[in-house]
């Protein structure tokens, strides 16, 4: 198996997020949504200011979306690598501080403050790398030992990822399946020649990963010192056009031309009447089992550089995943195929001191999914927007929560709470009012009421998207599942922030007794 660092080093500071009696709260905000003069939120000063703001408001957690390098449609759930970070998140401010850029390098560029203009941002930031590379070699020789050490320690995935990115540039961004056949098959002579031909570009890719690593570690350490914990997000599937599949085809169900035999998705559900057809290749779990789940374990380790806990996206896939024959036009017709089950979590438990996971157990959840979650004491996920269907046994109703739960008003896949409420029928709105023992209210009140409901619940952790705290409408929605275009763009500006909103949140947090935040790593 290639692309995995075979290490028996244990993660020394991973921990079970929620010990008995734990109560805390936090906000959901992707890093790209932070303010920045460079067109996209990054790991620079605004991220540190955001940490300060959360701490001042009495919050214990910051949750973000996946931080891998994005490919198609800029989705963080379709990453070019499970191990690499997104170079667009590197802070130019801190590169100026490091002497690797000059303030003048931004001249001639202007960006929207309220939405990520990905094409423009990608052109700008990729254009900076040649300047950074020159200044790194000429002006910061003191960084070379740390860079060389990073490259050595991460070589198992970094070398192949750097070559993958270089070849994508060479072949106009096309899928690796459209490259010459000898490169698709990873014939040694072809790989060796490509490495020689593109040596400087691959070094620039390595440098970008090194710089992101430095900035990400700095941000995590700052947050932890302030008492704030970070929640990351681990996509269950990988992109069909990724270094993961190119380097490790034996771990996926592919045909003899390296194309997926089946693709992932979900059958019809709340979000789509035709289901969701994601197009990701599915795993050969027997191959993973025989390899001791090393690829997955090292994938997790790579993400824990940046965060303390990982939300396991599509947790139900570990019990069974929806396999759709390749070439199908919708996800309506497929079959549930067993996942790795307890075997994977037992292997991860042997590797890590504890399982630093939150289970995203949404969608069509069977008793087997719940049993797998509970066997390993993983916190489950509940969403208040799903609670008001009139059924008293609805698992999203707060009266049905167990403490080992994370409750959200909505997630990145939901509309904002205000936008959601405004789209309900009058009968549905009355159902929400009845549950909250109100005779009715205007749509601008509903987000605050659901935040109160989440904070007062038995869930160990309550999370609200910033959009709901700011009482924003559908215009601030982050993602529309099943719609490829126009997502992942929303950003807030400092002018949107209200001292009143964060003061209100602090008061609510104190009243809900969510402010005593013991260090979960301590016995």
Protein backbone atom coordinates (compact mmCIF):
# COMPACT_ATOMS: atom_id res chain seq x y z
CA UNK A 1 0.00 0.00 0.00
CA UNK A 2 1.45 3.35 -1.06
CA UNK A 3 0.96 6.88 0.25
CA UNK A 4 0.75 5.93 3.93
CA UNK A 5 3.34 6.51 6.61
CA UNK A 6 3.66 3.16 8.37
CA UNK A 7 4.08 4.33 11.94
CA UNK A 8 3.27 2.81 15.30
CA UNK A 9 3.40 6.17 17.05
CA UNK A 10 0.24 6.79 19.07
CA UNK A 11 -1.59 10.11 19.11
CA UNK A 12 -0.67 11.31 22.59
CA UNK A 13 -3.35 13.91 23.16
CA UNK A 14 -6.45 12.52 21.46
CA UNK A 15 -9.40 12.20 23.79
CA UNK A 16 -13.03 11.27 24.14
CA UNK A 17 -14.79 14.62 23.62
CA UNK A 18 -17.54 14.39 26.22
CA UNK A 19 -16.98 12.79 29.62
CA UNK A 20 -19.93 12.30 31.94
CA UNK A 21 -21.50 15.58 33.03
CA UNK A 22 -19.82 17.61 30.29
CA UNK A 23 -21.74 20.64 28.94
CA UNK A 24 -20.35 23.11 26.43
CA UNK A 25 -21.22 24.99 23.27
CA UNK A 26 -19.66 26.48 20.19
CA UNK A 27 -20.07 27.83 16.68
CA UNK A 28 -19.89 26.32 13.21
CA UNK A 29 -17.97 28.40 10.68
CA UNK A 30 -15.74 27.27 7.86
CA UNK A 31 -12.32 28.92 7.62
CA UNK A 32 -13.07 30.17 4.10
CA UNK A 33 -15.91 32.29 5.54
CA UNK A 34 -13.59 34.43 7.68
CA UNK A 35 -12.83 38.03 6.67
CA UNK A 36 -9.62 38.57 4.71
CA UNK A 37 -8.28 41.08 2.23
CA UNK A 38 -7.20 38.21 -0.01
CA UNK A 39 -10.56 36.92 -1.22
CA UNK A 40 -10.96 33.95 1.09
CA UNK A 41 -10.76 33.27 4.80
CA UNK A 42 -7.46 31.74 5.90
CA UNK A 43 -5.35 30.79 8.91
CA UNK A 44 -4.18 34.33 9.46
CA UNK A 45 -5.07 37.14 11.87
CA UNK A 46 -8.84 36.88 11.32
CA UNK A 47 -8.78 33.26 12.49
CA UNK A 48 -7.04 34.31 15.69
CA UNK A 49 -9.53 37.15 16.19
CA UNK A 50 -12.34 34.64 15.69
CA UNK A 51 -10.85 32.43 18.42
CA UNK A 52 -10.73 35.44 20.73
CA UNK A 53 -14.34 36.31 19.96
CA UNK A 54 -15.53 32.78 20.70
CA UNK A 55 -13.67 32.74 24.00
CA UNK A 56 -15.06 36.14 25.01
CA UNK A 57 -18.55 34.77 24.33
CA UNK A 58 -17.94 31.82 26.65
CA UNK A 59 -17.74 29.21 23.89
CA UNK A 60 -15.64 26.07 24.13
CA UNK A 61 -15.62 24.80 20.54
CA UNK A 62 -15.08 25.96 16.96
CA UNK A 63 -16.25 23.58 14.24
CA UNK A 64 -15.13 23.96 10.62
CA UNK A 65 -15.54 21.98 7.40
CA UNK A 66 -12.83 19.78 5.81
CA UNK A 67 -9.57 21.61 5.10
CA UNK A 68 -8.27 19.45 2.24
CA UNK A 69 -7.38 20.86 -1.21
CA UNK A 70 -10.58 21.26 -3.17
CA UNK A 71 -11.18 20.06 -6.70
CA UNK A 72 -14.49 19.96 -8.55
CA UNK A 73 -16.84 22.81 -7.74
CA UNK A 74 -14.60 23.80 -4.79
CA UNK A 75 -16.38 21.37 -2.48
CA UNK A 76 -14.44 20.58 0.71
CA UNK A 77 -16.04 17.12 0.51
CA UNK A 78 -14.36 16.41 -2.85
CA UNK A 79 -10.72 16.83 -1.90
CA UNK A 80 -7.72 16.13 -4.11
CA UNK A 81 -6.07 14.38 -1.14
CA UNK A 82 -7.09 12.97 2.23
CA UNK A 83 -3.71 13.95 3.68
CA UNK A 84 -2.91 17.38 2.25
CA UNK A 85 -4.23 20.76 3.32
CA UNK A 86 -5.82 23.41 1.13
CA UNK A 87 -3.14 25.87 0.05
CA UNK A 88 -5.81 28.56 -0.41
CA UNK A 89 -6.01 28.70 3.40
CA UNK A 90 -2.41 29.91 3.76
CA UNK A 91 -2.35 33.42 5.19
CA UNK A 92 -0.50 35.98 3.05
CA UNK A 93 -0.29 38.26 6.13
CA UNK A 94 1.81 35.72 7.97
CA UNK A 95 3.93 35.10 4.87
CA UNK A 96 4.66 38.83 4.81
CA UNK A 97 5.55 38.56 8.50
CA UNK A 98 7.86 35.65 7.61
CA UNK A 99 9.58 37.65 4.88
CA UNK A 100 8.26 35.34 2.15
CA UNK A 101 6.00 37.94 0.55
CA UNK A 102 5.89 41.71 0.27
CA UNK A 103 2.80 43.90 0.74
CA UNK A 104 3.20 44.94 -2.88
CA UNK A 105 2.52 41.38 -4.04
CA UNK A 106 -1.21 42.01 -3.61
CA UNK A 107 -1.26 45.11 -5.82
CA UNK A 108 -3.60 44.95 -8.80
CA UNK A 109 -6.05 42.56 -7.14
CA UNK A 110 -9.41 43.25 -5.54
CA UNK A 111 -11.87 40.74 -4.11
CA UNK A 112 -15.43 40.50 -2.90
CA UNK A 113 -15.71 40.73 0.87
CA UNK A 114 -18.97 38.74 1.03
CA UNK A 115 -18.36 35.75 -1.25
CA UNK A 116 -15.38 33.67 -2.34
CA UNK A 117 -14.66 34.24 -6.02
CA UNK A 118 -12.82 30.95 -6.44
CA UNK A 119 -11.45 31.42 -9.95
CA UNK A 120 -9.93 34.77 -9.03
CA UNK A 121 -8.63 33.59 -5.65
CA UNK A 122 -7.04 30.47 -7.16
CA UNK A 123 -5.28 32.53 -9.85
CA UNK A 124 -4.03 35.01 -7.27
CA UNK A 125 -2.77 32.55 -4.70
CA UNK A 126 -1.22 30.17 -7.19
CA UNK A 127 0.58 33.14 -8.68
CA UNK A 128 2.08 33.93 -5.29
CA UNK A 129 3.82 30.57 -4.98
CA UNK A 130 6.61 31.36 -7.45
CA UNK A 131 7.41 34.52 -5.46
CA UNK A 132 7.27 32.62 -2.19
CA UNK A 133 9.56 29.92 -3.59
CA UNK A 134 12.18 32.46 -4.70
CA UNK A 135 12.16 34.30 -1.37
CA UNK A 136 12.23 31.04 0.57
CA UNK A 137 15.40 30.00 -1.25
CA UNK A 138 17.09 33.40 -1.16
CA UNK A 139 15.85 35.06 2.03
CA UNK A 140 14.93 32.41 4.60
CA UNK A 141 17.65 29.74 4.67
CA UNK A 142 16.86 29.27 8.36
CA UNK A 143 13.54 27.62 7.37
CA UNK A 144 15.25 25.01 5.20
CA UNK A 145 16.01 22.49 8.02
CA UNK A 146 12.39 22.54 9.21
CA UNK A 147 11.16 22.23 5.63
CA UNK A 148 13.46 19.29 4.93
CA UNK A 149 12.36 17.59 8.14
CA UNK A 150 8.69 18.09 7.24
CA UNK A 151 9.23 16.65 3.76
CA UNK A 152 11.05 13.65 5.19
CA UNK A 153 8.42 12.93 7.84
CA UNK A 154 5.50 13.30 5.42
CA UNK A 155 7.14 11.76 2.36
CA UNK A 156 4.85 8.73 2.31
CA UNK A 157 1.94 10.86 1.07
CA UNK A 158 3.58 14.18 0.21
CA UNK A 159 5.80 13.02 -2.65
CA UNK A 160 2.95 11.41 -4.57
CA UNK A 161 0.58 14.29 -3.85
CA UNK A 162 3.14 16.85 -5.10
CA UNK A 163 3.60 14.88 -8.32
CA UNK A 164 -0.16 14.49 -8.70
CA UNK A 165 -0.65 18.27 -8.50
CA UNK A 166 2.22 18.88 -10.91
CA UNK A 167 0.77 16.47 -13.45
CA UNK A 168 -2.66 18.03 -13.17
CA UNK A 169 -1.08 21.35 -14.16
CA UNK A 170 0.80 19.70 -17.02
CA UNK A 171 -2.40 18.13 -18.36
CA UNK A 172 -4.62 21.17 -18.05
CA UNK A 173 -6.43 20.15 -14.87
CA UNK A 174 -7.88 17.02 -16.46
CA UNK A 175 -8.72 13.95 -14.40
CA UNK A 176 -5.76 11.64 -13.91
CA UNK A 177 -7.72 9.00 -15.86
CA UNK A 178 -7.17 11.16 -18.95
CA UNK A 179 -3.38 11.25 -18.54
CA UNK A 180 -1.09 8.99 -20.58
CA UNK A 181 -1.72 5.33 -19.77
CA UNK A 182 1.74 4.73 -18.31
CA UNK A 183 1.11 7.48 -15.73
CA UNK A 184 -2.39 6.23 -14.97
CA UNK A 185 -0.88 2.79 -14.31
CA UNK A 186 1.98 4.41 -12.34
CA UNK A 187 4.69 2.65 -14.29
CA UNK A 188 8.00 3.33 -12.50
CA UNK A 189 9.84 4.68 -15.53
CA UNK A 190 7.05 7.15 -16.31
CA UNK A 191 6.86 8.32 -12.70
CA UNK A 192 10.63 8.77 -12.50
CA UNK A 193 10.73 10.85 -15.67
CA UNK A 194 7.79 12.99 -14.51
CA UNK A 195 9.51 13.64 -11.17
CA UNK A 196 12.67 14.75 -12.95
CA UNK A 197 10.80 16.94 -15.43
CA UNK A 198 8.66 18.66 -12.78
CA UNK A 199 11.06 18.73 -9.84
CA UNK A 200 10.79 22.45 -9.13
CA UNK A 201 6.99 22.50 -9.26
CA UNK A 202 6.71 19.53 -6.93
CA UNK A 203 9.02 21.32 -4.51
CA UNK A 204 6.68 24.32 -4.55
CA UNK A 205 3.76 22.02 -3.73
CA UNK A 206 5.75 20.62 -0.80
CA UNK A 207 6.56 24.15 0.35
CA UNK A 208 2.89 25.15 0.30
CA UNK A 209 2.04 22.14 2.48
CA UNK A 210 4.87 23.03 4.87
CA UNK A 211 3.68 26.62 5.21
CA UNK A 212 0.09 25.52 5.79
CA UNK A 213 1.28 23.00 8.39
CA UNK A 214 3.16 25.74 10.28
CA UNK A 215 0.19 28.09 10.24
CA UNK A 216 -2.32 25.38 11.13
CA UNK A 217 -0.28 24.19 14.11
CA UNK A 218 0.12 27.78 15.27
CA UNK A 219 -3.64 28.35 15.15
CA UNK A 220 -4.48 25.12 16.96
CA UNK A 221 -1.94 25.80 19.69
CA UNK A 222 -3.30 29.31 20.19
CA UNK A 223 -6.87 28.08 20.42
CA UNK A 224 -5.99 25.30 22.85
CA UNK A 225 -4.06 27.70 25.06
CA UNK A 226 -7.18 29.86 25.23
CA UNK A 227 -9.27 26.82 26.23
CA UNK A 228 -10.94 26.43 22.83
CA UNK A 229 -11.15 23.06 21.11
CA UNK A 230 -11.37 22.60 17.35
CA UNK A 231 -13.69 20.20 15.53
CA UNK A 232 -12.67 19.16 12.04
CA UNK A 233 -14.57 17.16 9.46
CA UNK A 234 -13.50 13.91 7.79
CA UNK A 235 -15.35 13.07 4.57
CA UNK A 236 -16.26 9.40 4.36
CA UNK A 237 -15.55 9.06 0.63
CA UNK A 238 -12.71 10.48 -1.44
CA UNK A 239 -12.87 12.25 -4.77
CA UNK A 240 -12.65 10.05 -7.88
CA UNK A 241 -9.98 12.47 -9.14
CA UNK A 242 -7.61 12.40 -6.20
CA UNK A 243 -4.12 11.33 -5.32
CA UNK A 244 -5.77 8.87 -2.91
CA UNK A 245 -7.23 6.78 -5.73
CA UNK A 246 -4.33 7.28 -8.12
CA UNK A 247 -1.77 6.13 -5.55
CA UNK A 248 -3.80 3.38 -3.86
CA UNK A 249 -6.15 1.84 -6.48
CA UNK A 250 -6.10 -1.49 -4.63
CA UNK A 251 -8.12 0.09 -1.80
CA UNK A 252 -11.11 0.88 -4.05
CA UNK A 253 -13.52 -1.13 -6.20
CA UNK A 254 -12.22 -0.20 -9.67
CA UNK A 255 -12.32 -1.87 -13.05
CA UNK A 256 -9.28 -2.80 -15.15
CA UNK A 257 -9.17 0.76 -16.53
CA UNK A 258 -8.98 2.22 -13.01
CA UNK A 259 -12.53 3.54 -13.21
CA UNK A 260 -15.05 3.04 -10.38
CA UNK A 261 -17.29 -0.01 -10.68
CA UNK A 262 -19.68 1.54 -8.16
CA UNK A 263 -20.07 5.06 -6.81
CA UNK A 264 -21.29 6.40 -3.51
CA UNK A 265 -24.45 8.30 -2.69
CA UNK A 266 -27.62 8.03 -0.67
CA UNK A 267 -31.13 6.96 -1.70
CA UNK A 268 -33.99 9.51 -1.74
CA UNK A 269 -34.08 11.46 1.51
CA UNK A 270 -34.94 14.81 3.11
CA UNK A 271 -32.61 16.68 0.77
CA UNK A 272 -33.47 15.08 -2.58
CA UNK A 273 -36.35 13.02 -3.96
CA UNK A 274 -33.94 11.30 -6.39
CA UNK A 275 -31.33 10.68 -3.74
CA UNK A 276 -27.84 12.11 -3.92
CA UNK A 277 -25.39 10.71 -6.46
CA UNK A 278 -21.95 11.75 -5.25
CA UNK A 279 -19.89 9.84 -7.79
CA UNK A 280 -17.13 8.87 -5.35
CA UNK A 281 -15.42 5.48 -5.73
CA UNK A 282 -16.32 3.03 -2.98
CA UNK A 283 -13.91 1.12 -0.78
CA UNK A 284 -12.65 -2.42 -0.99
CA UNK A 285 -13.04 -2.98 2.74
CA UNK A 286 -11.42 -6.40 2.66
CA UNK A 287 -8.23 -4.81 1.31
CA UNK A 288 -8.37 -2.20 4.07
CA UNK A 289 -8.88 -4.89 6.71
CA UNK A 290 -5.93 -6.94 5.49
CA UNK A 291 -3.77 -3.80 5.65
CA UNK A 292 -4.85 -3.09 9.24
CA UNK A 293 -6.80 0.01 8.13
CA UNK A 294 -3.45 1.85 7.93
CA UNK A 295 -4.60 4.24 5.20
CA UNK A 296 -7.56 5.33 7.33
CA UNK A 297 -5.52 5.61 10.50
CA UNK A 298 -2.86 7.78 8.88
CA UNK A 299 -5.58 9.83 7.19
CA UNK A 300 -7.02 10.59 10.63
CA UNK A 301 -3.60 11.36 12.07
CA UNK A 302 -2.95 13.87 9.28
CA UNK A 303 -6.14 15.79 10.14
CA UNK A 304 -5.47 15.81 13.88
CA UNK A 305 -2.54 18.13 13.18
CA UNK A 306 -5.13 20.87 12.72
CA UNK A 307 -7.99 19.89 15.05
CA UNK A 308 -8.76 18.09 18.31
CA UNK A 309 -11.81 16.06 17.28
CA UNK A 310 -13.14 14.89 13.91
CA UNK A 311 -16.75 14.76 12.83
CA UNK A 312 -17.08 11.52 10.87
CA UNK A 313 -19.13 12.60 7.89
CA UNK A 314 -21.67 9.97 6.71
CA UNK A 315 -21.01 7.80 9.75
CA UNK A 316 -23.64 5.33 8.57
CA UNK A 317 -21.18 4.31 5.82
CA UNK A 318 -19.06 2.54 8.42
CA UNK A 319 -22.01 0.20 8.98
CA UNK A 320 -23.25 0.09 5.37
CA UNK A 321 -22.97 2.40 2.35
CA UNK A 322 -25.22 2.91 -0.66
CA UNK A 323 -23.45 1.54 -3.74
CA UNK A 324 -24.80 2.73 -7.10
CA UNK A 325 -23.60 1.10 -10.36
CA UNK A 326 -21.23 3.42 -12.20
CA UNK A 327 -23.00 5.28 -14.99
CA UNK A 328 -26.39 5.49 -13.25
CA UNK A 329 -28.17 8.82 -13.76
CA UNK A 330 -29.61 9.02 -10.23
CA UNK A 331 -29.04 7.40 -6.85
CA UNK A 332 -32.51 5.82 -6.75
CA UNK A 333 -31.27 2.36 -7.59
CA UNK A 334 -28.44 0.86 -5.61
CA UNK A 335 -27.84 -1.42 -2.68
CA UNK A 336 -26.61 -1.19 0.88
CA UNK A 337 -23.21 -2.86 1.16
CA UNK A 338 -21.66 -3.55 4.59
CA UNK A 339 -18.86 -1.28 5.74
CA UNK A 340 -15.97 -2.15 8.06
CA UNK A 341 -18.10 -2.02 11.19
CA UNK A 342 -16.48 -2.54 14.57
CA UNK A 343 -13.23 -3.79 13.03
CA UNK A 344 -12.22 -0.31 11.92
CA UNK A 345 -12.94 1.33 15.28
CA UNK A 346 -11.13 -1.44 17.14
CA UNK A 347 -8.07 -0.83 14.96
CA UNK A 348 -8.32 2.94 15.52
CA UNK A 349 -8.71 2.36 19.25
CA UNK A 350 -5.46 0.40 19.32
CA UNK A 351 -3.71 3.27 17.55
CA UNK A 352 -5.10 6.24 19.45
CA UNK A 353 -5.46 6.69 23.19
CA UNK A 354 -9.17 7.32 22.67
CA UNK A 355 -11.46 7.78 19.69
CA UNK A 356 -11.58 11.52 18.90
CA UNK A 357 -14.76 11.30 16.84
CA UNK A 358 -18.25 12.71 16.56
CA UNK A 359 -20.61 10.52 14.54
CA UNK A 360 -22.63 12.34 11.88
CA UNK A 361 -25.46 9.82 12.10
CA UNK A 362 -28.04 11.64 9.99
CA UNK A 363 -30.20 10.30 7.19
CA UNK A 364 -31.59 6.76 7.00
CA UNK A 365 -30.29 5.33 10.26
CA UNK A 366 -30.86 1.67 11.05
CA UNK A 367 -30.57 0.01 14.46
CA UNK A 368 -27.19 -1.33 13.34
CA UNK A 369 -25.83 2.20 12.83
CA UNK A 370 -26.94 3.25 16.31
CA UNK A 371 -25.49 0.08 17.83
CA UNK A 372 -22.11 0.72 16.16
CA UNK A 373 -22.07 4.32 17.42
CA UNK A 374 -22.99 3.28 20.96
CA UNK A 375 -20.58 0.34 21.06
CA UNK A 376 -17.72 2.83 20.87
CA UNK A 377 -19.44 5.57 22.93
CA UNK A 378 -19.31 8.05 20.06
CA UNK A 379 -21.42 11.21 20.36
CA UNK A 380 -24.28 11.28 17.88
CA UNK A 381 -25.68 14.23 15.95
CA UNK A 382 -29.10 15.87 16.14
CA UNK A 383 -30.49 18.76 14.07
CA UNK A 384 -33.39 20.86 15.32
CA UNK A 385 -34.63 21.69 11.83
CA UNK A 386 -35.49 17.99 11.49
CA UNK A 387 -37.40 17.82 14.79
CA UNK A 388 -40.85 19.21 14.03
CA UNK A 389 -42.66 16.53 12.03
CA UNK A 390 -45.27 15.96 14.72
CA UNK A 391 -43.98 12.55 15.79
CA UNK A 392 -43.19 12.37 19.52
CA UNK A 393 -40.47 9.75 18.97
CA UNK A 394 -38.56 11.93 16.48
CA UNK A 395 -34.89 11.54 17.56
CA UNK A 396 -34.20 15.22 16.80
CA UNK A 397 -36.64 16.42 19.48
CA UNK A 398 -34.61 17.51 22.52
CA UNK A 399 -36.74 15.48 24.93
CA UNK A 400 -35.41 12.36 23.17
CA UNK A 401 -31.69 13.20 23.50
CA UNK A 402 -29.16 11.26 25.50
CA UNK A 403 -26.33 13.43 26.91
CA UNK A 404 -23.69 11.98 24.56
CA UNK A 405 -25.05 14.10 21.72
CA UNK A 406 -24.11 17.14 19.65
CA UNK A 407 -27.13 19.26 18.75
CA UNK A 408 -27.20 21.81 15.92
CA UNK A 409 -29.86 24.26 14.89
CA UNK A 410 -28.78 23.36 11.34
CA UNK A 411 -25.66 22.16 9.55
CA UNK A 412 -23.74 23.37 6.51
CA UNK A 413 -26.16 21.31 4.38
CA UNK A 414 -29.27 23.01 5.78
CA UNK A 415 -30.70 26.35 4.91
CA UNK A 416 -30.20 28.95 7.61
CA UNK A 417 -32.82 28.57 10.33
CA UNK A 418 -34.54 31.79 9.30
CA UNK A 419 -34.56 30.71 5.65
CA UNK A 420 -35.80 27.24 6.59
CA UNK A 421 -38.68 28.64 8.64
CA UNK A 422 -39.73 31.07 5.94
CA UNK A 423 -40.07 28.19 3.45
CA UNK A 424 -42.34 26.13 5.72
CA UNK A 425 -46.05 25.92 5.07
CA UNK A 426 -48.36 27.71 7.48
CA UNK A 427 -49.34 24.36 8.98
CA UNK A 428 -45.69 23.43 9.51
CA UNK A 429 -44.97 26.80 11.10
CA UNK A 430 -47.85 26.27 13.53
CA UNK A 431 -46.33 22.90 14.44
CA UNK A 432 -43.05 24.59 15.38
CA UNK A 433 -44.95 27.22 17.36
CA UNK A 434 -46.93 24.60 19.26
CA UNK A 435 -43.84 22.66 20.22
CA UNK A 436 -42.19 25.78 21.56
CA UNK A 437 -45.40 26.78 23.33
CA UNK A 438 -45.77 29.97 21.38
CA UNK A 439 -48.85 31.28 19.64
CA UNK A 440 -46.72 32.48 16.74
CA UNK A 441 -43.91 34.85 15.92
CA UNK A 442 -42.20 36.51 13.02
CA UNK A 443 -39.50 34.68 11.09
CA UNK A 444 -36.78 36.89 12.59
CA UNK A 445 -37.41 35.30 16.01
CA UNK A 446 -37.14 31.62 15.13
CA UNK A 447 -33.33 31.30 15.00
CA UNK A 448 -32.98 32.68 18.51
CA UNK A 449 -35.68 30.34 19.80
CA UNK A 450 -33.98 27.29 18.31
CA UNK A 451 -30.64 28.35 19.75
CA UNK A 452 -32.31 28.58 23.18
CA UNK A 453 -33.79 25.13 22.65
CA UNK A 454 -30.42 23.64 21.71
CA UNK A 455 -28.60 25.28 24.62
CA UNK A 456 -31.21 24.16 27.16
CA UNK A 457 -31.19 20.54 25.93
CA UNK A 458 -29.50 17.55 27.56
CA UNK A 459 -26.93 17.36 24.72
CA UNK A 460 -23.34 17.59 25.94
CA UNK A 461 -22.47 19.98 23.13
CA UNK A 462 -24.65 22.57 21.38
CA UNK A 463 -23.46 24.14 18.11
CA UNK A 464 -24.94 26.99 16.13
CA UNK A 465 -23.81 28.15 12.66
CA UNK A 466 -22.72 31.78 12.72
CA UNK A 467 -25.43 32.51 10.14
CA UNK A 468 -28.10 31.55 12.69
CA UNK A 469 -26.53 33.57 15.48
CA UNK A 470 -26.57 36.57 13.13
CA UNK A 471 -30.18 35.73 12.13
CA UNK A 472 -29.38 35.65 8.41
CA UNK A 473 -31.65 34.35 5.67
CA UNK A 474 -31.23 31.98 2.74
CA UNK A 475 -28.75 34.35 1.08
CA UNK A 476 -26.18 33.16 3.67
CA UNK A 477 -26.65 29.43 3.03
CA UNK A 478 -23.37 27.54 2.64
CA UNK A 479 -24.43 24.51 0.58
CA UNK A 480 -27.42 23.08 -1.26
CA UNK A 481 -26.98 19.28 -1.44
CA UNK A 482 -27.41 17.89 -4.93
CA UNK A 483 -26.65 21.27 -6.52
CA UNK A 484 -23.09 21.43 -7.85
CA UNK A 485 -22.87 25.15 -8.62
CA UNK A 486 -22.76 28.18 -6.36
CA UNK A 487 -21.91 26.57 -3.02
CA UNK A 488 -19.19 27.12 -0.39
CA UNK A 489 -18.91 30.83 -1.17
CA UNK A 490 -20.49 32.64 1.80
CA UNK A 491 -18.30 34.92 3.92
CA UNK A 492 -19.07 37.30 6.74
CA UNK A 493 -17.68 40.78 7.10
CA UNK A 494 -16.75 42.38 10.40
CA UNK A 495 -19.62 44.82 9.90
CA UNK A 496 -22.08 41.92 10.14
CA UNK A 497 -20.97 41.05 13.66
CA UNK A 498 -23.05 42.39 16.47
CA UNK A 499 -21.79 42.85 20.01
CA UNK A 500 -25.37 42.28 21.08
CA UNK A 501 -25.54 38.84 19.45
CA UNK A 502 -22.38 37.60 21.13
CA UNK A 503 -23.32 39.12 24.50
CA UNK A 504 -26.71 37.41 24.24
CA UNK A 505 -24.96 34.12 23.42
CA UNK A 506 -22.65 34.50 26.42
CA UNK A 507 -25.58 35.13 28.74
CA UNK A 508 -27.48 32.16 27.30
CA UNK A 509 -24.41 29.96 27.67
CA UNK A 510 -24.03 30.91 31.32
CA UNK A 511 -27.72 30.42 32.03
CA UNK A 512 -27.58 27.00 30.37
CA UNK A 513 -24.56 26.01 32.49
CA UNK A 514 -22.42 25.39 29.44
CA UNK A 515 -19.51 27.54 30.56
CA UNK A 516 -17.64 25.16 32.88
CA UNK A 517 -15.38 23.43 30.40
CA UNK A 518 -13.03 20.88 31.99
CA UNK A 519 -10.13 19.67 29.91
CA UNK A 520 -11.42 16.35 28.51
CA UNK A 521 -7.85 15.00 28.37
CA UNK A 522 -7.52 15.07 32.15
CA UNK A 523 -8.88 12.16 34.22
